[in-house]
Amino acid sequence: MKRIVFLGPPGAGKGTQAAGVARELGIPHLSTGDILRAAVASGSPLGQEADGYMRAGKLVPDELIFKIVGERLARPDTRSGFLFDGFPRNLAQAETLERLTPIDRVISFEVEPEELVRRLSERRTCPKCQATYHLTFQPPKAAGKCDRDGTALLQRPDDRPEAVAERLRVYAKQTAPLLDFYRQRKLLAPVNGSGTPEAVAKRIRDALR
């Protein structure tokens, strides 16, 4: 069974790699954002409760998140494994997740802060369809315009260099104890997240063997 967690700072490429690895292994790619949105869309009692917090602009409490995550893990498609993308985010969440399900391997993406700032500060988003581009790695066909609908692309406020630096500082503070938690359990596998997507994917496959 493959019960996997991907950890890494913003811009490390977790989402891109998680989608490919999950598809290759035939297991669901899970993120708490997607799980929460699906629960809200389903209209379930837990989804309605989460929707109340989200509409009020409040963070969904960890206790509620784990109830919703527990429901998701109970679905048949997770019987052969799953891949959590960017979750848990802190030590308390890791401890709760451990009580909910065993974890087989934790991949920690390692990328130099300077490269992360460059990656994120070059990201552009379409405000209409939410498509995401990167000026170096995935530029739009027409400069500054969305390929899908021609809308002018924007830089998200939290992708500006000064905001990225703060996001990385917060990540480092929250995640250092989390890495130690998994290292002590001999589950942690650091992976160099720099280089081409193909090179990083190969390192991940090697770490999962």
Protein backbone atom coordinates (compact mmCIF):
# COMPACT_ATOMS: atom_id res chain seq x y z
CA MET A 1 0.00 0.00 0.00
CA LYS A 2 1.16 3.54 -0.78
CA ARG A 3 0.03 6.10 1.79
CA ILE A 4 2.15 9.10 0.92
CA VAL A 5 2.54 12.70 2.10
CA PHE A 6 4.24 15.42 0.04
CA LEU A 7 5.65 18.33 2.06
CA GLY A 8 7.40 21.39 0.76
CA PRO A 9 7.42 25.18 0.75
CA PRO A 10 5.26 27.27 -1.58
CA GLY A 11 6.57 27.01 -5.13
CA ALA A 12 8.38 23.70 -4.60
CA GLY A 13 6.29 21.94 -7.25
CA LYS A 14 4.35 19.62 -4.95
CA GLY A 15 1.05 19.93 -6.80
CA THR A 16 2.48 19.22 -10.24
CA GLN A 17 4.48 16.24 -9.04
CA ALA A 18 1.68 14.90 -6.83
CA ALA A 19 -0.74 14.75 -9.76
CA GLY A 20 1.72 12.76 -11.86
CA VAL A 21 2.81 10.37 -9.10
CA ALA A 22 -0.76 9.69 -7.98
CA ARG A 23 -1.79 8.95 -11.56
CA GLU A 24 1.21 6.65 -12.03
CA LEU A 25 0.47 4.74 -8.81
CA GLY A 26 -3.28 4.63 -9.37
CA ILE A 27 -4.11 6.35 -6.08
CA PRO A 28 -6.12 9.54 -5.37
CA HIS A 29 -4.32 12.87 -5.16
CA LEU A 30 -5.70 14.63 -2.08
CA SER A 31 -5.44 18.21 -0.87
CA THR A 32 -7.44 19.68 1.98
CA GLY A 33 -8.62 22.51 -0.28
CA ASP A 34 -10.10 20.08 -2.79
CA ILE A 35 -11.57 17.90 -0.03
CA LEU A 36 -13.24 20.90 1.63
CA ARG A 37 -14.63 22.21 -1.67
CA ALA A 38 -16.02 18.76 -2.52
CA ALA A 39 -17.63 18.46 0.91
CA VAL A 40 -19.25 21.89 0.54
CA ALA A 41 -20.47 21.05 -2.99
CA SER A 42 -21.96 17.77 -1.74
CA GLY A 43 -24.16 19.61 0.75
CA SER A 44 -23.30 17.12 3.51
CA PRO A 45 -23.76 18.24 7.14
CA LEU A 46 -19.98 18.57 7.57
CA GLY A 47 -19.73 20.40 4.25
CA GLN A 48 -22.42 22.85 5.31
CA GLU A 49 -20.62 23.47 8.58
CA ALA A 50 -17.34 24.14 6.76
CA ASP A 51 -19.14 26.40 4.29
CA GLY A 52 -20.35 28.55 7.17
CA TYR A 53 -16.78 29.22 8.29
CA MET A 54 -15.57 29.86 4.74
CA ARG A 55 -18.39 32.28 3.91
CA ALA A 56 -17.60 34.20 7.08
CA GLY A 57 -13.96 34.46 6.01
CA LYS A 58 -12.80 32.29 8.90
CA LEU A 59 -10.40 29.36 8.93
CA VAL A 60 -12.08 25.96 9.12
CA PRO A 61 -11.08 24.47 12.52
CA ASP A 62 -8.71 21.50 12.47
CA GLU A 63 -11.28 19.34 14.25
CA LEU A 64 -13.77 19.85 11.43
CA ILE A 65 -11.11 19.42 8.75
CA PHE A 66 -10.19 16.03 10.15
CA LYS A 67 -13.80 14.90 10.27
CA ILE A 68 -14.08 15.74 6.58
CA VAL A 69 -10.69 14.16 5.81
CA GLY A 70 -11.79 11.03 7.69
CA GLU A 71 -14.88 10.80 5.51
CA ARG A 72 -12.73 11.15 2.39
CA LEU A 73 -10.30 8.44 3.53
CA ALA A 74 -13.24 6.08 4.12
CA ARG A 75 -14.11 6.08 0.41
CA PRO A 76 -13.23 2.91 -1.58
CA ASP A 77 -10.69 4.59 -3.87
CA THR A 78 -8.25 5.06 -0.96
CA ARG A 79 -8.02 1.33 -0.14
CA SER A 80 -4.82 0.93 -2.17
CA GLY A 81 -3.36 4.21 -0.91
CA PHE A 82 -3.48 7.98 -1.31
CA LEU A 83 -1.20 10.97 -1.77
CA PHE A 84 -1.67 14.02 0.45
CA ASP A 85 -0.38 17.19 -1.18
CA GLY A 86 0.83 19.79 1.35
CA PHE A 87 -0.94 18.26 4.32
CA PRO A 88 -0.44 18.08 7.26
CA ARG A 89 0.82 21.63 7.70
CA ASN A 90 1.94 21.55 11.32
CA LEU A 91 2.85 19.19 14.14
CA ALA A 92 -0.63 19.09 15.67
CA GLN A 93 -2.14 18.06 12.34
CA ALA A 94 0.54 15.38 11.84
CA GLU A 95 -0.23 13.88 15.24
CA THR A 96 -3.95 13.80 14.49
CA LEU A 97 -3.42 12.33 11.03
CA GLU A 98 -1.29 9.58 12.57
CA ARG A 99 -4.24 8.57 14.73
CA LEU A 100 -6.48 8.56 11.67
CA THR A 101 -4.34 6.55 9.26
CA PRO A 102 -0.83 5.05 8.92
CA ILE A 103 1.61 6.83 6.58
CA ASP A 104 4.16 4.86 4.55
CA ARG A 105 6.40 7.62 3.20
CA VAL A 106 6.81 11.40 3.48
CA ILE A 107 8.55 13.19 0.61
CA SER A 108 10.07 16.53 1.61
CA PHE A 109 10.82 18.86 -1.32
CA GLU A 110 14.04 20.84 -0.85
CA VAL A 111 14.53 23.98 -2.96
CA GLU A 112 16.71 27.02 -2.29
CA PRO A 113 14.69 30.05 -1.07
CA GLU A 114 16.05 32.25 -3.88
CA GLU A 115 14.70 29.83 -6.49
CA LEU A 116 11.32 29.65 -4.75
CA VAL A 117 11.02 33.45 -4.80
CA ARG A 118 11.86 33.45 -8.52
CA ARG A 119 9.37 30.68 -9.30
CA LEU A 120 6.46 32.25 -7.44
CA SER A 121 7.12 35.86 -8.44
CA GLU A 122 6.94 34.82 -12.12
CA ARG A 123 3.56 33.11 -11.69
CA ARG A 124 0.55 34.75 -13.36
CA THR A 125 -3.15 33.88 -12.99
CA CYS A 126 -6.25 34.47 -15.10
CA PRO A 127 -8.83 36.20 -12.88
CA LYS A 128 -11.67 34.81 -15.03
CA CYS A 129 -10.94 31.06 -15.36
CA GLN A 130 -8.18 30.75 -12.71
CA ALA A 131 -5.72 29.20 -15.18
CA THR A 132 -2.13 29.54 -13.95
CA TYR A 133 0.96 30.36 -16.03
CA HIS A 134 4.66 30.85 -15.38
CA LEU A 135 6.70 33.39 -17.33
CA THR A 136 9.66 31.00 -17.65
CA PHE A 137 8.31 27.45 -17.40
CA GLN A 138 4.78 27.78 -18.81
CA PRO A 139 4.30 31.15 -20.51
CA PRO A 140 1.02 32.10 -22.22
CA LYS A 141 0.99 31.97 -26.03
CA ALA A 142 0.29 35.71 -26.18
CA ALA A 143 2.24 37.78 -23.65
CA GLY A 144 0.10 38.79 -20.70
CA LYS A 145 -3.09 37.10 -21.92
CA CYS A 146 -4.86 33.87 -20.96
CA ASP A 147 -4.73 31.15 -23.63
CA ARG A 148 -8.31 30.13 -22.88
CA ASP A 149 -10.21 33.41 -22.93
CA GLY A 150 -7.76 36.22 -23.67
CA THR A 151 -8.22 37.85 -20.26
CA ALA A 152 -5.30 39.95 -18.99
CA LEU A 153 -3.21 37.91 -16.55
CA LEU A 154 -2.54 39.17 -13.03
CA GLN A 155 0.08 38.57 -10.37
CA ARG A 156 -1.52 37.46 -7.12
CA PRO A 157 -0.60 39.73 -4.18
CA ASP A 158 0.87 36.77 -2.27
CA ASP A 159 3.16 35.98 -5.25
CA ARG A 160 4.99 39.32 -5.00
CA PRO A 161 8.61 38.83 -3.84
CA GLU A 162 8.12 40.42 -0.40
CA ALA A 163 4.99 38.33 0.23
CA VAL A 164 6.74 35.15 -0.94
CA ALA A 165 9.58 35.77 1.53
CA GLU A 166 7.05 36.03 4.38
CA ARG A 167 5.25 32.86 3.26
CA LEU A 168 8.56 30.99 3.27
CA ARG A 169 9.37 32.28 6.76
CA VAL A 170 6.02 31.08 8.09
CA TYR A 171 6.43 27.72 6.37
CA ALA A 172 9.88 27.18 7.86
CA LYS A 173 8.63 28.02 11.35
CA GLN A 174 5.63 25.69 11.16
CA THR A 175 7.26 22.84 9.28
CA ALA A 176 10.60 22.29 11.02
CA PRO A 177 8.97 20.34 13.91
CA LEU A 178 6.88 18.43 11.36
CA LEU A 179 9.98 17.25 9.50
CA ASP A 180 11.54 16.11 12.78
CA PHE A 181 8.31 14.25 13.61
CA TYR A 182 8.52 12.18 10.44
CA ARG A 183 12.30 11.85 10.55
CA GLN A 184 12.08 10.25 13.99
CA ARG A 185 9.58 7.74 12.58
CA LYS A 186 11.99 6.96 9.69
CA LEU A 187 9.37 8.00 7.14
CA LEU A 188 11.04 11.15 5.79
CA ALA A 189 12.71 11.14 2.38
CA PRO A 190 14.20 14.52 1.34
CA VAL A 191 14.11 15.11 -2.42
CA ASN A 192 15.91 17.84 -4.35
CA GLY A 193 13.10 19.82 -5.98
CA SER A 194 15.34 21.76 -8.38
CA GLY A 195 15.79 20.91 -12.03
CA THR A 196 13.38 19.78 -14.73
CA PRO A 197 10.03 18.25 -13.74
CA GLU A 198 11.21 14.97 -15.27
CA ALA A 199 14.38 14.94 -13.14
CA VAL A 200 12.43 15.69 -9.96
CA ALA A 201 9.86 12.99 -10.80
CA LYS A 202 12.65 10.41 -11.14
CA ARG A 203 14.06 11.37 -7.72
CA ILE A 204 10.60 10.95 -6.21
CA ARG A 205 10.14 7.52 -7.78
CA ASP A 206 13.53 6.48 -6.43
CA ALA A 207 12.58 7.73 -2.93
CA LEU A 208 9.32 5.77 -2.99
CA ARG A 209 10.98 2.45 -3.84
